[in-house]
Amino acid sequence: MSIQLTEGVNLHVLPSKKYKTVRIVAKFCAPLNKKNITKRALISSLIETNSKKYPTQTALRSELSHLYGASFGTAVSKKGTFHILTVSLNVVNEKYLTMGDSVLSEAIAFLKEVIFHPNVLNGHFDEETFEREKENMVNYYDSIADDKQSYASLELQKLFFEDKGQQTPSIGTKQDLADLTATSLYEYYQEMLLNDQVDLYVLGDVNENEIAEKFKEFPFKVRKKLAQTAFYSEPPIEEVILKTERQEITQAKFNLGYGTDVFYHQANYYAGQVFNGLFGGFPHSKLFTNVREKESLAYYASSSLDTFRGMLIVQTGIDSQKMEQVKEIVTLQLKEIQSGNFTDEAINQTKEMLKNQLLQSEDNSGAIIERIYANQLAKGEVISLEDWLANIDKVTEEDIIDVANHVKLKAAFFLSGEVK
């Protein structure tokens, strides 16, 4: 059941007897804009930490304990042209409790509290909480620079995309964080509550009408629906961008970014999934077996698809001296698939692994909500598990070759261990 609580705010109740818990998720979605990404990341930290009613982290955690150990958290992410702030709450289904407590009602009230009544005084976020969470984010940004594969991935993103919002990680930047104040951030939060498109999900063994009545009490105002497409396409380029950076590291990182025409649940989406599995997505893939195993050119080599931005990413960990060899052999693996040099056995193995991944995700209520939400952002019909599996099975050798021939290298970032 999906109902519109008000314009731009939708509630999706997904009854299921499969789980002993009830998962409640609120997703706040706004057009991707570099100037707001860091604000949204810091807000997610603040509302996860405390609220007006629970002004300390201890008080908030105590309430979660009272809710029979409910798990609560926030996160930020990017999907194509959108930035999404997610608030999640997972509680035990009260049907399994002997006390007859109204855990679900209390959990929804808790969610309402943290969203609409943050820890605010005189028009600004609590200064102590604000400064602490700001410092935590600085430490987090610094830790990303220390994680060399994460660092290399973000540097590749900067090379691949021209748009500043696409270049910026979903958690924002240290530079933008420095400009934020407790007052300016609260002003933005009020704008966010008024303007973001909101999707609320409740998945579990619940009564749809009872849930709907509870959420009708949330004081969301009417807002404009997001009209833009979720998909971001980077314009093609004539020349590949290659950047090299040198640091004192033991293992070099060489990441490649390719443009594709594979977008979430569009016509060639399933063929794209099979192609990626054959290319570098699984242990039997060409990158894994040839770059890593046979030639011993890489400590690891894998590929992944971003189907909201039409991007294929290859990540490798290598010896600094072997970058040219690795580039050649990665290029060769793509050419092999483009020319149809792969077996029916490899196709079938890839399809089985993709289907197993999907079937395993059915055990995770959070993964189910993410899949439904991605579908809604892509403005597609919610696809049943059976149809998804059938679409994977339908992929032909020709479909895979066609996808591969639309994959074009756009940018590469080499983090070398050789310091000159």
Protein backbone atom coordinates (compact mmCIF):
# COMPACT_ATOMS: atom_id res chain seq x y z
CA MET A 1 0.00 0.00 0.00
CA SER A 2 1.28 3.47 -0.96
CA ILE A 3 -0.54 6.62 0.09
CA GLN A 4 0.25 10.30 -0.33
CA LEU A 5 0.36 11.94 3.07
CA THR A 6 0.67 15.31 1.33
CA GLU A 7 2.09 16.51 -1.97
CA GLY A 8 5.67 15.22 -2.22
CA VAL A 9 5.41 12.97 0.89
CA ASN A 10 4.53 9.32 0.40
CA LEU A 11 4.05 6.41 2.79
CA HIS A 12 4.71 2.86 1.59
CA VAL A 13 3.51 0.06 3.87
CA LEU A 14 4.90 -3.34 2.92
CA PRO A 15 3.20 -6.08 4.97
CA SER A 16 5.29 -9.25 5.33
CA LYS A 17 5.20 -12.12 7.80
CA LYS A 18 8.76 -13.11 6.89
CA TYR A 19 10.51 -11.00 9.53
CA LYS A 20 10.36 -10.89 13.32
CA THR A 21 11.23 -7.20 13.22
CA VAL A 22 9.62 -4.13 11.68
CA ARG A 23 11.85 -1.81 9.67
CA ILE A 24 10.87 1.87 9.43
CA VAL A 25 12.78 4.05 6.98
CA ALA A 26 12.47 7.75 6.12
CA LYS A 27 14.22 8.97 2.96
CA PHE A 28 14.74 12.68 2.31
CA CYS A 29 15.64 13.37 -1.30
CA ALA A 30 16.84 16.65 -2.88
CA PRO A 31 18.53 17.63 -6.15
CA LEU A 32 22.28 17.12 -5.89
CA ASN A 33 23.92 20.45 -5.16
CA LYS A 34 27.53 20.76 -4.01
CA LYS A 35 26.79 23.58 -1.57
CA ASN A 36 24.32 21.41 0.38
CA ILE A 37 26.01 17.97 0.41
CA THR A 38 28.17 18.62 3.51
CA LYS A 39 25.23 20.26 5.33
CA ARG A 40 23.11 17.16 4.80
CA ALA A 41 25.91 14.86 5.96
CA LEU A 42 26.38 16.82 9.20
CA ILE A 43 22.61 16.94 9.80
CA SER A 44 22.47 13.15 9.53
CA SER A 45 25.10 12.94 12.30
CA LEU A 46 23.29 15.45 14.51
CA ILE A 47 19.84 13.84 14.39
CA GLU A 48 21.39 10.44 15.03
CA THR A 49 23.06 11.73 18.22
CA ASN A 50 20.27 13.40 20.24
CA SER A 51 17.03 15.40 20.13
CA LYS A 52 15.05 17.88 22.23
CA LYS A 53 13.44 15.11 24.28
CA TYR A 54 16.64 13.04 24.40
CA PRO A 55 19.29 15.79 24.70
CA THR A 56 22.26 13.47 25.19
CA GLN A 57 23.49 10.43 23.34
CA THR A 58 22.98 8.45 26.56
CA ALA A 59 19.33 9.52 26.81
CA LEU A 60 18.69 8.62 23.18
CA ARG A 61 20.34 5.21 23.54
CA SER A 62 18.37 4.62 26.72
CA GLU A 63 15.13 5.11 24.80
CA LEU A 64 16.29 2.63 22.17
CA SER A 65 16.98 0.12 24.97
CA HIS A 66 13.46 0.76 26.23
CA LEU A 67 12.27 -0.18 22.74
CA TYR A 68 13.71 -3.67 23.30
CA GLY A 69 17.09 -2.82 21.78
CA ALA A 70 15.85 -1.12 18.62
CA SER A 71 18.56 -0.23 16.13
CA PHE A 72 18.61 3.33 14.86
CA GLY A 73 20.86 5.07 12.38
CA THR A 74 21.22 7.64 9.63
CA ALA A 75 23.15 7.69 6.37
CA VAL A 76 23.70 9.83 3.30
CA SER A 77 24.07 8.67 -0.29
CA LYS A 78 23.94 9.84 -3.89
CA LYS A 79 21.77 8.34 -6.60
CA GLY A 80 22.44 10.02 -9.94
CA THR A 81 21.15 13.59 -9.76
CA PHE A 82 19.83 13.24 -6.19
CA HIS A 83 21.26 13.38 -2.66
CA ILE A 84 19.46 11.20 -0.11
CA LEU A 85 19.45 11.37 3.69
CA THR A 86 18.13 8.15 5.22
CA VAL A 87 16.84 7.65 8.77
CA SER A 88 16.30 3.99 9.75
CA LEU A 89 14.74 2.28 12.74
CA ASN A 90 14.47 -1.48 13.21
CA VAL A 91 12.31 -2.76 16.09
CA VAL A 92 11.17 -6.14 17.32
CA ASN A 93 7.63 -7.03 16.29
CA GLU A 94 5.51 -6.69 19.42
CA LYS A 95 3.59 -9.84 18.44
CA TYR A 96 6.60 -11.77 19.68
CA LEU A 97 6.57 -10.07 23.09
CA THR A 98 4.62 -11.39 26.06
CA MET A 99 4.20 -7.98 27.69
CA GLY A 100 1.78 -6.61 25.11
CA ASP A 101 3.83 -3.42 24.81
CA SER A 102 3.02 -0.99 22.00
CA VAL A 103 6.58 -0.99 20.69
CA LEU A 104 5.67 -0.03 17.13
CA SER A 105 3.65 3.03 18.18
CA GLU A 106 6.48 4.14 20.45
CA ALA A 107 9.03 3.58 17.67
CA ILE A 108 7.05 5.76 15.24
CA ALA A 109 6.75 8.43 17.96
CA PHE A 110 10.54 8.22 18.46
CA LEU A 111 11.11 8.74 14.72
CA LYS A 112 8.75 11.74 14.73
CA GLU A 113 10.66 13.21 17.69
CA VAL A 114 14.14 12.97 16.16
CA ILE A 115 12.98 14.38 12.79
CA PHE A 116 10.76 17.25 13.93
CA HIS A 117 12.27 18.11 17.32
CA PRO A 118 16.06 18.14 17.02
CA ASN A 119 18.23 19.43 19.85
CA VAL A 120 17.76 23.13 19.04
CA LEU A 121 17.88 26.25 21.22
CA ASN A 122 17.17 29.84 20.12
CA GLY A 123 17.28 29.02 16.40
CA HIS A 124 20.46 26.96 16.31
CA PHE A 125 21.56 23.37 16.91
CA ASP A 126 22.94 22.68 20.37
CA GLU A 127 26.47 24.13 20.18
CA GLU A 128 28.18 21.36 22.11
CA THR A 129 26.64 18.63 19.94
CA PHE A 130 27.31 20.64 16.77
CA GLU A 131 31.01 21.16 17.54
CA ARG A 132 31.52 17.54 18.59
CA GLU A 133 29.89 16.11 15.45
CA LYS A 134 31.75 18.60 13.28
CA GLU A 135 35.03 17.43 14.80
CA ASN A 136 34.01 13.79 14.25
CA MET A 137 33.42 14.56 10.59
CA VAL A 138 36.84 16.19 10.26
CA ASN A 139 38.37 12.99 11.67
CA TYR A 140 36.31 10.94 9.23
CA TYR A 141 37.49 13.01 6.26
CA ASP A 142 41.08 12.56 7.40
CA SER A 143 40.57 8.80 7.69
CA ILE A 144 39.40 8.66 4.05
CA ALA A 145 42.70 10.19 2.95
CA ASP A 146 44.44 7.40 4.88
CA ASP A 147 42.37 4.71 3.12
CA LYS A 148 44.21 4.76 -0.18
CA GLN A 149 41.63 2.86 -2.24
CA SER A 150 38.85 5.18 -1.05
CA TYR A 151 41.10 8.13 -1.80
CA ALA A 152 41.85 6.84 -5.30
CA SER A 153 38.13 6.24 -5.95
CA LEU A 154 37.25 9.81 -5.01
CA GLU A 155 40.09 11.21 -7.13
CA LEU A 156 38.84 9.19 -10.11
CA GLN A 157 35.36 10.63 -9.55
CA LYS A 158 36.82 14.15 -9.77
CA LEU A 159 38.45 13.31 -13.11
CA PHE A 160 35.45 11.49 -14.57
CA PHE A 161 32.71 14.02 -13.83
CA GLU A 162 32.55 17.66 -14.89
CA ASP A 163 29.69 18.52 -12.52
CA LYS A 164 30.88 19.70 -9.07
CA GLY A 165 28.06 17.86 -7.29
CA GLN A 166 29.00 14.59 -8.99
CA GLN A 167 32.67 15.13 -8.10
CA THR A 168 31.83 15.61 -4.40
CA PRO A 169 31.46 12.51 -2.18
CA SER A 170 28.05 11.93 -0.58
CA ILE A 171 29.53 12.81 2.84
CA GLY A 172 30.73 16.22 1.63
CA THR A 173 34.13 17.86 2.07
CA LYS A 174 36.32 19.23 4.83
CA GLN A 175 36.48 22.62 3.10
CA ASP A 176 32.69 23.04 3.00
CA LEU A 177 32.37 21.82 6.60
CA ALA A 178 34.58 24.67 7.87
CA ASP A 179 32.01 27.27 6.75
CA LEU A 180 29.05 25.77 8.65
CA THR A 181 27.64 27.22 11.88
CA ALA A 182 25.02 25.81 14.23
CA THR A 183 22.64 28.56 13.08
CA SER A 184 23.18 28.26 9.31
CA LEU A 185 22.84 24.50 9.51
CA TYR A 186 19.53 24.67 11.38
CA GLU A 187 18.23 27.17 8.81
CA TYR A 188 19.08 24.68 6.07
CA TYR A 189 17.46 21.82 8.03
CA GLN A 190 14.18 23.75 8.16
CA GLU A 191 14.42 24.24 4.37
CA MET A 192 15.10 20.51 3.98
CA LEU A 193 11.99 19.55 5.99
CA LEU A 194 9.91 21.90 3.82
CA ASN A 195 11.33 21.05 0.39
CA ASP A 196 12.77 17.52 0.25
CA GLN A 197 10.73 14.78 -1.35
CA VAL A 198 10.03 12.30 1.45
CA ASP A 199 9.37 8.57 1.17
CA LEU A 200 8.47 6.62 4.30
CA TYR A 201 8.64 2.82 4.38
CA VAL A 202 7.34 0.33 6.92
CA LEU A 203 8.20 -3.32 6.23
CA GLY A 204 7.04 -6.14 8.48
CA ASP A 205 4.00 -7.92 9.89
CA VAL A 206 1.89 -4.80 10.41
CA ASN A 207 -1.65 -3.47 9.97
CA GLU A 208 -1.60 -1.06 7.02
CA ASN A 209 -4.42 1.18 8.22
CA GLU A 210 -3.00 1.51 11.74
CA ILE A 211 0.39 2.50 10.31
CA ALA A 212 -1.19 5.03 7.96
CA GLU A 213 -3.03 6.70 10.86
CA LYS A 214 0.20 7.05 12.85
CA PHE A 215 2.10 8.69 9.99
CA LYS A 216 -0.73 11.08 9.17
CA GLU A 217 0.24 12.79 12.45
CA PHE A 218 3.66 13.74 11.03
CA PRO A 219 3.50 17.52 10.33
CA PHE A 220 4.88 17.47 6.78
CA LYS A 221 3.88 20.43 4.62
CA VAL A 222 3.01 20.36 0.91
CA ARG A 223 6.09 20.53 -1.34
CA LYS A 224 6.79 20.33 -5.06
CA LYS A 225 7.46 16.89 -6.49
CA LEU A 226 10.93 16.34 -7.92
CA ALA A 227 10.49 16.65 -11.66
CA GLN A 228 14.03 15.88 -12.85
CA THR A 229 15.26 12.47 -13.90
CA ALA A 230 17.44 10.55 -11.43
CA PHE A 231 19.89 9.58 -14.16
CA TYR A 232 23.04 11.58 -14.77
CA SER A 233 24.88 11.25 -18.08
CA GLU A 234 28.38 12.58 -18.46
CA PRO A 235 29.03 14.02 -21.95
CA PRO A 236 31.41 11.93 -24.11
CA ILE A 237 35.01 13.07 -24.47
CA GLU A 238 37.60 12.80 -27.21
CA GLU A 239 40.62 12.15 -25.02
CA VAL A 240 41.14 9.96 -21.96
CA ILE A 241 42.20 11.85 -18.81
CA LEU A 242 45.03 10.21 -16.89
CA LYS A 243 46.33 11.65 -13.63
CA THR A 244 49.24 10.30 -11.58
CA GLU A 245 49.91 11.15 -7.95
CA ARG A 246 52.81 9.91 -5.86
CA GLN A 247 52.72 9.04 -2.18
CA GLU A 248 54.79 6.86 0.11
CA ILE A 249 52.63 3.72 -0.05
CA THR A 250 53.52 0.05 -0.36
CA GLN A 251 50.73 -0.85 -2.80
CA ALA A 252 49.87 1.41 -5.73
CA LYS A 253 46.25 1.96 -6.78
CA PHE A 254 45.21 2.15 -10.41
CA ASN A 255 41.53 2.93 -11.02
CA LEU A 256 39.80 3.33 -14.37
CA GLY A 257 36.46 4.99 -15.11
CA TYR A 258 34.44 4.03 -18.19
CA GLY A 259 31.30 5.59 -19.60
CA THR A 260 28.43 3.16 -20.31
CA ASP A 261 24.85 3.35 -21.52
CA VAL A 262 23.64 1.02 -18.74
CA PHE A 263 21.06 2.66 -16.46
CA TYR A 264 18.95 1.25 -13.65
CA HIS A 265 16.14 -0.95 -15.00
CA GLN A 266 16.40 0.43 -18.50
CA ALA A 267 16.36 -1.93 -21.49
CA ASN A 268 19.95 -3.17 -21.19
CA TYR A 269 20.22 -3.12 -17.38
CA TYR A 270 20.22 -6.90 -16.96
CA ALA A 271 22.70 -7.41 -19.80
CA GLY A 272 24.88 -4.81 -18.06
CA GLN A 273 24.79 -6.82 -14.85
CA VAL A 274 25.87 -10.00 -16.64
CA PHE A 275 28.58 -8.11 -18.55
CA ASN A 276 29.98 -6.66 -15.30
CA GLY A 277 29.94 -10.11 -13.67
CA LEU A 278 31.94 -11.52 -16.58
CA PHE A 279 34.32 -8.56 -16.75
CA GLY A 280 35.27 -8.02 -13.10
CA GLY A 281 32.32 -8.51 -10.76
CA PHE A 282 32.97 -12.08 -9.58
CA PRO A 283 35.94 -14.37 -8.78
CA HIS A 284 35.52 -16.19 -12.13
CA SER A 285 35.60 -12.89 -14.07
CA LYS A 286 38.22 -11.99 -16.66
CA LEU A 287 39.85 -9.30 -14.51
CA PHE A 288 40.15 -11.60 -11.51
CA THR A 289 41.41 -14.66 -13.36
CA ASN A 290 43.70 -12.95 -15.89
CA VAL A 291 45.00 -9.79 -14.23
CA ARG A 292 45.26 -11.19 -10.71
CA GLU A 293 45.61 -14.96 -10.98
CA LYS A 294 47.34 -15.81 -14.30
CA GLU A 295 49.58 -12.77 -14.79
CA SER A 296 50.00 -11.90 -11.09
CA LEU A 297 49.89 -8.22 -12.04
CA ALA A 298 47.54 -7.13 -9.27
CA TYR A 299 46.85 -7.86 -5.63
CA TYR A 300 43.20 -7.38 -6.54
CA ALA A 301 41.24 -6.35 -9.63
CA SER A 302 37.49 -5.88 -9.84
CA SER A 303 34.78 -3.87 -11.58
CA SER A 304 31.47 -2.36 -10.50
CA LEU A 305 28.61 -0.49 -12.19
CA ASP A 306 27.02 2.78 -11.10
CA THR A 307 23.72 2.52 -12.98
CA PHE A 308 22.41 5.93 -11.96
CA ARG A 309 25.41 7.68 -13.51
CA GLY A 310 26.33 5.38 -16.41
CA MET A 311 29.76 4.61 -15.01
CA LEU A 312 31.85 1.44 -14.84
CA ILE A 313 34.71 1.51 -12.32
CA VAL A 314 37.72 -0.80 -12.34
CA GLN A 315 39.76 -0.89 -9.14
CA THR A 316 43.19 -2.50 -8.88
CA GLY A 317 45.95 -2.72 -6.29
CA ILE A 318 49.31 -3.17 -8.05
CA ASP A 319 53.08 -2.73 -7.96
CA SER A 320 53.95 0.80 -9.05
CA GLN A 321 56.18 -0.42 -11.91
CA LYS A 322 53.38 -2.46 -13.51
CA MET A 323 50.82 0.24 -14.31
CA GLU A 324 51.29 0.10 -18.11
CA GLN A 325 51.07 -3.70 -18.14
CA VAL A 326 47.92 -3.61 -16.02
CA LYS A 327 46.34 -0.98 -18.27
CA GLU A 328 47.09 -3.12 -21.33
CA ILE A 329 45.69 -6.31 -19.88
CA VAL A 330 42.55 -4.63 -18.49
CA THR A 331 41.95 -3.15 -21.96
CA LEU A 332 42.47 -6.60 -23.47
CA GLN A 333 39.86 -8.19 -21.17
CA LEU A 334 37.28 -5.63 -22.31
CA LYS A 335 38.16 -6.30 -25.96
CA GLU A 336 37.75 -10.03 -25.35
CA ILE A 337 34.16 -9.50 -24.21
CA GLN A 338 33.51 -7.00 -27.02
CA SER A 339 34.53 -9.67 -29.53
CA GLY A 340 32.48 -12.42 -27.84
CA ASN A 341 35.43 -14.35 -26.46
CA PHE A 342 33.69 -15.88 -23.43
CA THR A 343 32.01 -19.23 -22.85
CA ASP A 344 28.40 -20.25 -22.27
CA GLU A 345 29.63 -21.77 -19.02
CA ALA A 346 30.93 -18.37 -17.86
CA ILE A 347 27.61 -16.72 -18.81
CA ASN A 348 25.60 -19.33 -16.90
CA GLN A 349 27.88 -19.12 -13.85
CA THR A 350 27.52 -15.32 -13.83
CA LYS A 351 23.73 -15.53 -14.10
CA GLU A 352 23.54 -18.01 -11.22
CA MET A 353 25.71 -15.80 -9.01
CA LEU A 354 23.61 -12.73 -9.81
CA LYS A 355 20.42 -14.62 -8.99
CA ASN A 356 21.91 -15.96 -5.75
CA GLN A 357 22.88 -12.43 -4.71
CA LEU A 358 19.32 -11.28 -5.29
CA LEU A 359 17.77 -14.22 -3.44
CA GLN A 360 20.10 -13.68 -0.47
CA SER A 361 19.15 -9.99 -0.34
CA GLU A 362 15.53 -11.05 0.27
CA ASP A 363 16.57 -11.97 3.83
CA ASN A 364 17.53 -8.35 4.48
CA SER A 365 14.55 -6.02 4.93
CA GLY A 366 16.80 -2.99 4.45
CA ALA A 367 18.00 -4.28 1.06
CA ILE A 368 14.39 -4.79 -0.07
CA ILE A 369 13.49 -1.20 0.79
CA GLU A 370 16.60 0.08 -1.01
CA ARG A 371 15.63 -1.84 -4.15
CA ILE A 372 12.05 -0.53 -4.11
CA TYR A 373 13.28 3.02 -3.51
CA ALA A 374 15.81 2.84 -6.37
CA ASN A 375 12.99 1.69 -8.65
CA GLN A 376 10.83 4.61 -7.61
CA LEU A 377 13.66 7.10 -8.20
CA ALA A 378 14.17 5.58 -11.63
CA LYS A 379 10.42 6.07 -12.18
CA GLY A 380 10.03 2.39 -13.00
CA GLU A 381 7.43 -0.12 -11.98
CA VAL A 382 8.27 -2.12 -8.88
CA ILE A 383 9.64 -5.32 -10.37
CA SER A 384 8.81 -8.63 -8.73
CA LEU A 385 11.56 -11.02 -7.69
CA GLU A 386 10.35 -13.53 -10.31
CA ASP A 387 10.53 -10.97 -13.14
CA TRP A 388 13.99 -9.85 -12.06
CA LEU A 389 15.28 -13.43 -12.10
CA ALA A 390 13.59 -14.07 -15.47
CA ASN A 391 15.17 -10.94 -16.96
CA ILE A 392 18.63 -12.15 -15.92
CA ASP A 393 17.94 -15.51 -17.60
CA LYS A 394 16.85 -13.81 -20.83
CA VAL A 395 20.21 -12.08 -21.39
CA THR A 396 21.91 -13.40 -24.54
CA GLU A 397 25.50 -13.45 -25.73
CA GLU A 398 24.63 -10.71 -28.25
CA ASP A 399 23.19 -8.53 -25.46
CA ILE A 400 26.44 -8.80 -23.49
CA ILE A 401 28.59 -7.98 -26.54
CA ASP A 402 26.40 -4.95 -27.31
CA VAL A 403 26.80 -3.58 -23.77
CA ALA A 404 30.57 -4.16 -23.88
CA ASN A 405 30.89 -2.26 -27.15
CA HIS A 406 29.31 0.82 -25.59
CA VAL A 407 31.88 0.87 -22.75
CA LYS A 408 34.43 3.65 -23.31
CA LEU A 409 37.39 4.61 -21.10
CA LYS A 410 37.08 8.21 -19.95
CA ALA A 411 39.48 8.67 -17.00
CA ALA A 412 42.13 6.84 -15.00
CA PHE A 413 43.81 7.71 -11.71
CA PHE A 414 47.15 6.20 -10.70
CA LEU A 415 48.30 6.53 -7.10
CA SER A 416 51.92 5.47 -7.34
CA GLY A 417 54.15 4.29 -4.53
CA GLU A 418 57.20 5.70 -6.26
CA VAL A 419 58.06 9.09 -4.80
CA LYS A 420 60.24 11.28 -7.01
